[in-house]
Amino acid sequence: MSETVSAPLDDDVRLIEAILFASREAVPENALQRRLPEGVDVRHILDALSAHYAHRGVRLVRAGGAWAFRTAPDLGPRLNRERQVSRKLSRAAIETLAIIAYHEPVTRAEIEEIRGVSLSKGTLDVLFEAGWIRPRGRRRTPGRPMTWGTTDAFLDHFGLESLKDLPGIEDLKAAGLLDARPAAETYSVRGMLANIGDEALPENSDRDEEFIIESLDTDDEGS
């Protein structure tokens, strides 16, 4: 299949390819490694598959420590149906996700300090249930508060290879995605994170901070 992979590895390449095709979610690299015989390097196989699909309709992409097949970026717009869908999203959830992404690991109290308002328990619950944040351990301070960070599923959903790919503050200002409020001017990226399509977060208890966005509904679950 690829000149970068030797013949004895062909069956292993096909196995990894099949696992990735069958999975809707990004598959952790260590989970793929466990499916291979001892001594076979899964990264070598992934690199070979990535090169093989580099110019095809689907591409093998990395999201943190996980891998998935996704629609080639230039083909995504051609797969969208031009149907507008109104989604009610919690402004608190979007801002909280942005703060966690830019400042992880971060505690609940630190999130509240940045936002300037208290955070309902339901906000973190919604993001956790969506699989976009996870506990990152406890801070070694009085009370041992829990810290939070993003997941590979978050990176995969927003098309990021790592958190280093998040836009900088100056980029966000130039794009007009920041609020005029002091806290939001420094930390908010909800304009970027709000474009989450059909997998939008459900509403939570912060009803006074809800807003409506318009998103495109796509036929292709991998785009």
C-alpha atoms as a PDB file:
ATOM      1  CA  MET A   1       0.000   0.000   0.000  1.00  0.00           C
ATOM      2  CA  SER A   2       2.789   2.402   0.823  1.00  0.00           C
ATOM      3  CA  GLU A   3       6.440   2.232  -0.057  1.00  0.00           C
ATOM      4  CA  THR A   4       7.292   3.406   3.468  1.00  0.00           C
ATOM      5  CA  VAL A   5       5.881   0.190   4.987  1.00  0.00           C
ATOM      6  CA  SER A   6       7.601  -3.143   4.468  1.00  0.00           C
ATOM      7  CA  ALA A   7       5.642  -6.163   3.224  1.00  0.00           C
ATOM      8  CA  PRO A   8       5.587  -8.058   6.584  1.00  0.00           C
ATOM      9  CA  LEU A   9       3.639  -5.148   8.078  1.00  0.00           C
ATOM     10  CA  ASP A  10       0.864  -5.187   5.486  1.00  0.00           C
ATOM     11  CA  ASP A  11      -1.601  -7.100   7.683  1.00  0.00           C
ATOM     12  CA  ASP A  12      -0.896  -4.779  10.607  1.00  0.00           C
ATOM     13  CA  VAL A  13      -1.428  -1.733   8.398  1.00  0.00           C
ATOM     14  CA  ARG A  14      -4.761  -3.127   7.225  1.00  0.00           C
ATOM     15  CA  LEU A  15      -5.807  -3.841  10.818  1.00  0.00           C
ATOM     16  CA  ILE A  16      -5.051  -0.294  12.003  1.00  0.00           C
ATOM     17  CA  GLU A  17      -6.739   1.140   8.919  1.00  0.00           C
ATOM     18  CA  ALA A  18      -9.869  -0.945   9.571  1.00  0.00           C
ATOM     19  CA  ILE A  19     -10.030   0.067  13.249  1.00  0.00           C
ATOM     20  CA  LEU A  20      -9.778   3.749  12.370  1.00  0.00           C
ATOM     21  CA  PHE A  21     -12.393   3.485   9.613  1.00  0.00           C
ATOM     22  CA  ALA A  22     -14.815   1.659  11.921  1.00  0.00           C
ATOM     23  CA  SER A  23     -14.525   4.201  14.739  1.00  0.00           C
ATOM     24  CA  ARG A  24     -16.549   7.388  14.662  1.00  0.00           C
ATOM     25  CA  GLU A  25     -14.415   8.886  17.422  1.00  0.00           C
ATOM     26  CA  ALA A  26     -10.670   9.451  17.352  1.00  0.00           C
ATOM     27  CA  VAL A  27      -8.812   6.347  18.611  1.00  0.00           C
ATOM     28  CA  PRO A  28      -6.016   6.776  21.188  1.00  0.00           C
ATOM     29  CA  GLU A  29      -2.619   5.796  19.841  1.00  0.00           C
ATOM     30  CA  ASN A  30      -1.901   3.561  22.833  1.00  0.00           C
ATOM     31  CA  ALA A  31      -5.142   1.651  22.168  1.00  0.00           C
ATOM     32  CA  LEU A  32      -4.005   1.009  18.597  1.00  0.00           C
ATOM     33  CA  GLN A  33      -0.593  -0.107  19.823  1.00  0.00           C
ATOM     34  CA  ARG A  34      -2.214  -2.741  22.052  1.00  0.00           C
ATOM     35  CA  ARG A  35      -3.850  -4.348  19.010  1.00  0.00           C
ATOM     36  CA  LEU A  36      -0.486  -5.007  17.360  1.00  0.00           C
ATOM     37  CA  PRO A  37       2.046  -7.797  17.943  1.00  0.00           C
ATOM     38  CA  GLU A  38       4.926  -7.040  20.265  1.00  0.00           C
ATOM     39  CA  GLY A  39       7.708  -5.146  18.553  1.00  0.00           C
ATOM     40  CA  VAL A  40       5.529  -3.503  15.885  1.00  0.00           C
ATOM     41  CA  ASP A  41       5.660   0.306  16.055  1.00  0.00           C
ATOM     42  CA  VAL A  42       2.179   1.768  15.591  1.00  0.00           C
ATOM     43  CA  ARG A  43       3.549   5.264  14.927  1.00  0.00           C
ATOM     44  CA  HIS A  44       5.416   3.938  11.872  1.00  0.00           C
ATOM     45  CA  ILE A  45       2.134   2.524  10.564  1.00  0.00           C
ATOM     46  CA  LEU A  46       0.203   5.719  11.324  1.00  0.00           C
ATOM     47  CA  ASP A  47       2.788   7.860   9.578  1.00  0.00           C
ATOM     48  CA  ALA A  48       2.612   5.581   6.529  1.00  0.00           C
ATOM     49  CA  LEU A  49      -1.194   5.729   6.445  1.00  0.00           C
ATOM     50  CA  SER A  50      -1.131   9.487   6.924  1.00  0.00           C
ATOM     51  CA  ALA A  51       1.165   9.869   3.911  1.00  0.00           C
ATOM     52  CA  HIS A  52      -0.972   7.469   1.875  1.00  0.00           C
ATOM     53  CA  TYR A  53      -4.160   9.480   2.479  1.00  0.00           C
ATOM     54  CA  ALA A  54      -2.541  12.932   2.317  1.00  0.00           C
ATOM     55  CA  HIS A  55      -4.094  13.823  -1.047  1.00  0.00           C
ATOM     56  CA  ARG A  56      -7.279  11.762  -0.913  1.00  0.00           C
ATOM     57  CA  GLY A  57     -10.870  12.624  -0.035  1.00  0.00           C
ATOM     58  CA  VAL A  58     -10.311  11.547   3.546  1.00  0.00           C
ATOM     59  CA  ARG A  59      -7.190  12.146   5.594  1.00  0.00           C
ATOM     60  CA  LEU A  60      -5.708  10.537   8.658  1.00  0.00           C
ATOM     61  CA  VAL A  61      -5.298  13.269  11.257  1.00  0.00           C
ATOM     62  CA  ARG A  62      -3.881  13.406  14.772  1.00  0.00           C
ATOM     63  CA  ALA A  63      -5.739  15.050  17.638  1.00  0.00           C
ATOM     64  CA  GLY A  64      -3.491  15.090  20.685  1.00  0.00           C
ATOM     65  CA  GLY A  65      -2.773  11.432  21.421  1.00  0.00           C
ATOM     66  CA  ALA A  66      -5.526  10.055  19.187  1.00  0.00           C
ATOM     67  CA  TRP A  67      -6.016   9.466  15.449  1.00  0.00           C
ATOM     68  CA  ALA A  68      -9.026   9.547  13.118  1.00  0.00           C
ATOM     69  CA  PHE A  69     -10.038   9.648   9.469  1.00  0.00           C
ATOM     70  CA  ARG A  70     -11.647  12.969   8.585  1.00  0.00           C
ATOM     71  CA  THR A  71     -12.915  14.606   5.397  1.00  0.00           C
ATOM     72  CA  ALA A  72     -10.278  16.594   3.511  1.00  0.00           C
ATOM     73  CA  PRO A  73     -10.711  20.251   4.552  1.00  0.00           C
ATOM     74  CA  ASP A  74     -11.136  21.530   0.989  1.00  0.00           C
ATOM     75  CA  LEU A  75     -14.054  19.133   0.384  1.00  0.00           C
ATOM     76  CA  GLY A  76     -15.994  19.915   3.566  1.00  0.00           C
ATOM     77  CA  PRO A  77     -17.967  22.875   2.138  1.00  0.00           C
ATOM     78  CA  ARG A  78     -19.103  20.755  -0.818  1.00  0.00           C
ATOM     79  CA  LEU A  79     -20.662  18.191   1.530  1.00  0.00           C
ATOM     80  CA  ASN A  80     -22.727  20.684   3.541  1.00  0.00           C
ATOM     81  CA  ARG A  81     -26.419  21.110   3.054  1.00  0.00           C
ATOM     82  CA  GLU A  82     -27.346  24.780   2.973  1.00  0.00           C
ATOM     83  CA  ARG A  83     -29.869  24.453   5.783  1.00  0.00           C
ATOM     84  CA  GLN A  84     -29.780  26.884   8.687  1.00  0.00           C
ATOM     85  CA  VAL A  85     -30.309  25.403  12.134  1.00  0.00           C
ATOM     86  CA  SER A  86     -30.862  27.532  15.229  1.00  0.00           C
ATOM     87  CA  ARG A  87     -29.126  26.235  18.333  1.00  0.00           C
ATOM     88  CA  LYS A  88     -29.476  27.543  21.861  1.00  0.00           C
ATOM     89  CA  LEU A  89     -26.093  27.373  23.566  1.00  0.00           C
ATOM     90  CA  SER A  90     -25.040  28.392  27.029  1.00  0.00           C
ATOM     91  CA  ARG A  91     -22.730  31.365  26.882  1.00  0.00           C
ATOM     92  CA  ALA A  92     -21.322  30.241  30.231  1.00  0.00           C
ATOM     93  CA  ALA A  93     -20.400  26.821  28.818  1.00  0.00           C
ATOM     94  CA  ILE A  94     -18.663  28.291  25.765  1.00  0.00           C
ATOM     95  CA  GLU A  95     -16.680  30.801  27.830  1.00  0.00           C
ATOM     96  CA  THR A  96     -15.766  28.120  30.378  1.00  0.00           C
ATOM     97  CA  LEU A  97     -14.522  25.789  27.641  1.00  0.00           C
ATOM     98  CA  ALA A  98     -12.430  28.607  26.161  1.00  0.00           C
ATOM     99  CA  ILE A  99     -10.882  29.452  29.538  1.00  0.00           C
ATOM    100  CA  ILE A 100     -10.021  25.811  30.196  1.00  0.00           C
ATOM    101  CA  ALA A 101      -8.461  25.450  26.731  1.00  0.00           C
ATOM    102  CA  TYR A 102      -6.229  28.501  27.169  1.00  0.00           C
ATOM    103  CA  HIS A 103      -5.314  28.047  30.843  1.00  0.00           C
ATOM    104  CA  GLU A 104      -5.389  24.344  31.657  1.00  0.00           C
ATOM    105  CA  PRO A 105      -4.993  22.927  34.168  1.00  0.00           C
ATOM    106  CA  VAL A 106      -7.387  25.365  35.819  1.00  0.00           C
ATOM    107  CA  THR A 107      -9.640  25.155  38.875  1.00  0.00           C
ATOM    108  CA  ARG A 108     -13.297  26.115  39.180  1.00  0.00           C
ATOM    109  CA  ALA A 109     -12.366  29.116  41.337  1.00  0.00           C
ATOM    110  CA  GLU A 110      -9.889  30.308  38.699  1.00  0.00           C
ATOM    111  CA  ILE A 111     -12.538  29.998  35.990  1.00  0.00           C
ATOM    112  CA  GLU A 112     -14.921  32.076  38.092  1.00  0.00           C
ATOM    113  CA  GLU A 113     -12.229  34.687  38.698  1.00  0.00           C
ATOM    114  CA  ILE A 114     -11.528  35.010  34.972  1.00  0.00           C
ATOM    115  CA  ARG A 115     -15.209  35.177  34.008  1.00  0.00           C
ATOM    116  CA  GLY A 116     -16.053  37.535  36.851  1.00  0.00           C
ATOM    117  CA  VAL A 117     -19.206  35.579  37.789  1.00  0.00           C
ATOM    118  CA  SER A 118     -19.932  32.410  39.713  1.00  0.00           C
ATOM    119  CA  LEU A 119     -20.113  29.147  37.768  1.00  0.00           C
ATOM    120  CA  SER A 120     -23.015  26.763  38.152  1.00  0.00           C
ATOM    121  CA  LYS A 121     -22.151  23.127  38.728  1.00  0.00           C
ATOM    122  CA  GLY A 122     -24.115  22.208  35.622  1.00  0.00           C
ATOM    123  CA  THR A 123     -21.725  24.068  33.326  1.00  0.00           C
ATOM    124  CA  LEU A 124     -18.763  21.792  34.059  1.00  0.00           C
ATOM    125  CA  ASP A 125     -21.070  18.758  34.040  1.00  0.00           C
ATOM    126  CA  VAL A 126     -22.243  19.553  30.495  1.00  0.00           C
ATOM    127  CA  LEU A 127     -18.688  19.931  29.189  1.00  0.00           C
ATOM    128  CA  PHE A 128     -17.569  16.763  30.976  1.00  0.00           C
ATOM    129  CA  GLU A 129     -20.499  14.721  29.630  1.00  0.00           C
ATOM    130  CA  ALA A 130     -19.720  15.990  26.134  1.00  0.00           C
ATOM    131  CA  GLY A 131     -16.242  14.508  26.540  1.00  0.00           C
ATOM    132  CA  TRP A 132     -14.491  17.839  25.982  1.00  0.00           C
ATOM    133  CA  ILE A 133     -12.970  18.310  29.454  1.00  0.00           C
ATOM    134  CA  ARG A 134     -11.539  15.949  32.047  1.00  0.00           C
ATOM    135  CA  PRO A 135     -10.136  16.134  35.593  1.00  0.00           C
ATOM    136  CA  ARG A 136      -6.399  16.828  35.610  1.00  0.00           C
ATOM    137  CA  GLY A 137      -5.699  16.115  39.283  1.00  0.00           C
ATOM    138  CA  ARG A 138      -5.870  18.225  42.407  1.00  0.00           C
ATOM    139  CA  ARG A 139      -3.948  21.431  43.047  1.00  0.00           C
ATOM    140  CA  ARG A 140      -1.482  21.235  45.929  1.00  0.00           C
ATOM    141  CA  THR A 141      -3.094  24.135  47.764  1.00  0.00           C
ATOM    142  CA  PRO A 142      -5.468  24.342  50.759  1.00  0.00           C
ATOM    143  CA  GLY A 143      -8.665  22.475  49.968  1.00  0.00           C
ATOM    144  CA  ARG A 144      -6.955  20.474  47.208  1.00  0.00           C
ATOM    145  CA  PRO A 145      -9.247  21.871  44.436  1.00  0.00           C
ATOM    146  CA  MET A 146      -9.794  19.802  41.301  1.00  0.00           C
ATOM    147  CA  THR A 147      -8.192  21.094  38.104  1.00  0.00           C
ATOM    148  CA  TRP A 148      -9.650  20.690  34.621  1.00  0.00           C
ATOM    149  CA  GLY A 149      -8.201  20.339  31.134  1.00  0.00           C
ATOM    150  CA  THR A 150      -9.368  19.584  27.600  1.00  0.00           C
ATOM    151  CA  THR A 151      -9.456  16.154  25.947  1.00  0.00           C
ATOM    152  CA  ASP A 152      -8.408  14.685  22.618  1.00  0.00           C
ATOM    153  CA  ALA A 153     -12.117  14.707  21.688  1.00  0.00           C
ATOM    154  CA  PHE A 154     -12.059  18.509  22.052  1.00  0.00           C
ATOM    155  CA  LEU A 155      -9.055  18.758  19.740  1.00  0.00           C
ATOM    156  CA  ASP A 156     -10.649  16.402  17.230  1.00  0.00           C
ATOM    157  CA  HIS A 157     -13.952  18.278  17.156  1.00  0.00           C
ATOM    158  CA  PHE A 158     -12.312  21.633  16.474  1.00  0.00           C
ATOM    159  CA  GLY A 159      -9.742  20.261  14.030  1.00  0.00           C
ATOM    160  CA  LEU A 160      -6.721  20.944  16.240  1.00  0.00           C
ATOM    161  CA  GLU A 161      -3.612  18.787  16.394  1.00  0.00           C
ATOM    162  CA  SER A 162      -2.654  20.300  19.760  1.00  0.00           C
ATOM    163  CA  LEU A 163      -3.503  23.283  21.950  1.00  0.00           C
ATOM    164  CA  LYS A 164      -0.612  25.109  20.301  1.00  0.00           C
ATOM    165  CA  ASP A 165      -2.894  25.475  17.268  1.00  0.00           C
ATOM    166  CA  LEU A 166      -5.358  27.679  19.164  1.00  0.00           C
ATOM    167  CA  PRO A 167      -5.388  31.241  17.814  1.00  0.00           C
ATOM    168  CA  GLY A 168      -3.544  33.903  19.777  1.00  0.00           C
ATOM    169  CA  ILE A 169      -5.251  36.827  21.490  1.00  0.00           C
ATOM    170  CA  GLU A 170      -4.141  39.259  18.788  1.00  0.00           C
ATOM    171  CA  ASP A 171      -5.564  36.968  16.100  1.00  0.00           C
ATOM    172  CA  LEU A 172      -8.894  36.892  17.924  1.00  0.00           C
ATOM    173  CA  LYS A 173      -8.957  40.661  18.298  1.00  0.00           C
ATOM    174  CA  ALA A 174      -8.234  41.094  14.599  1.00  0.00           C
ATOM    175  CA  ALA A 175     -11.102  38.729  13.754  1.00  0.00           C
ATOM    176  CA  GLY A 176     -13.471  40.650  16.034  1.00  0.00           C
ATOM    177  CA  LEU A 177     -14.169  37.623  18.225  1.00  0.00           C
ATOM    178  CA  LEU A 178     -13.594  39.246  21.624  1.00  0.00           C
ATOM    179  CA  ASP A 179     -16.091  41.045  23.841  1.00  0.00           C
ATOM    180  CA  ALA A 180     -15.474  44.493  25.224  1.00  0.00           C
ATOM    181  CA  ARG A 181     -15.730  43.242  28.819  1.00  0.00           C
ATOM    182  CA  PRO A 182     -12.357  43.237  30.621  1.00  0.00           C
ATOM    183  CA  ALA A 183     -12.306  39.521  31.398  1.00  0.00           C
ATOM    184  CA  ALA A 184     -13.544  38.515  27.967  1.00  0.00           C
ATOM    185  CA  GLU A 185     -11.109  40.864  26.221  1.00  0.00           C
ATOM    186  CA  THR A 186      -8.259  38.894  27.746  1.00  0.00           C
ATOM    187  CA  TYR A 187      -9.552  35.357  27.763  1.00  0.00           C
ATOM    188  CA  SER A 188     -12.760  34.754  25.754  1.00  0.00           C
ATOM    189  CA  VAL A 189     -12.704  32.807  22.496  1.00  0.00           C
ATOM    190  CA  ARG A 190     -16.335  31.858  22.328  1.00  0.00           C
ATOM    191  CA  GLY A 191     -16.571  33.210  18.785  1.00  0.00           C
ATOM    192  CA  MET A 192     -14.267  30.423  17.656  1.00  0.00           C
ATOM    193  CA  LEU A 193     -15.692  27.703  19.880  1.00  0.00           C
ATOM    194  CA  ALA A 194     -19.338  28.567  19.176  1.00  0.00           C
ATOM    195  CA  ASN A 195     -19.215  27.054  15.686  1.00  0.00           C
ATOM    196  CA  ILE A 196     -19.908  23.517  16.868  1.00  0.00           C
ATOM    197  CA  GLY A 197     -22.670  22.466  14.483  1.00  0.00           C
ATOM    198  CA  ASP A 198     -24.963  19.547  15.199  1.00  0.00           C
ATOM    199  CA  GLU A 199     -23.008  18.371  18.223  1.00  0.00           C
ATOM    200  CA  ALA A 200     -23.779  21.592  20.099  1.00  0.00           C
ATOM    201  CA  LEU A 201     -23.735  21.479  23.849  1.00  0.00           C
ATOM    202  CA  PRO A 202     -27.149  21.226  25.513  1.00  0.00           C
ATOM    203  CA  GLU A 203     -28.506  24.036  27.615  1.00  0.00           C
ATOM    204  CA  ASN A 204     -27.535  24.250  31.284  1.00  0.00           C
ATOM    205  CA  SER A 205     -28.747  26.235  34.262  1.00  0.00           C
ATOM    206  CA  ASP A 206     -27.165  29.548  33.214  1.00  0.00           C
ATOM    207  CA  ARG A 207     -30.325  30.516  31.277  1.00  0.00           C
ATOM    208  CA  ASP A 208     -29.779  34.235  31.594  1.00  0.00           C
ATOM    209  CA  GLU A 209     -26.616  33.880  29.508  1.00  0.00           C
ATOM    210  CA  GLU A 210     -27.993  31.909  26.554  1.00  0.00           C
ATOM    211  CA  PHE A 211     -27.642  33.075  23.002  1.00  0.00           C
ATOM    212  CA  ILE A 212     -28.494  31.645  19.570  1.00  0.00           C
ATOM    213  CA  ILE A 213     -26.027  30.894  16.796  1.00  0.00           C
ATOM    214  CA  GLU A 214     -26.563  29.671  13.254  1.00  0.00           C
ATOM    215  CA  SER A 215     -24.704  26.582  12.121  1.00  0.00           C
ATOM    216  CA  LEU A 216     -24.508  24.379   9.058  1.00  0.00           C
ATOM    217  CA  ASP A 217     -25.879  20.856   9.217  1.00  0.00           C
ATOM    218  CA  THR A 218     -23.569  18.417   7.433  1.00  0.00           C
ATOM    219  CA  ASP A 219     -24.218  15.031   5.911  1.00  0.00           C
ATOM    220  CA  ASP A 220     -20.677  13.837   6.604  1.00  0.00           C
ATOM    221  CA  GLU A 221     -20.047  12.891  10.198  1.00  0.00           C
ATOM    222  CA  GLY A 222     -16.298  12.884   9.688  1.00  0.00           C
ATOM    223  CA  SER A 223     -15.995  16.442   8.344  1.00  0.00           C
END
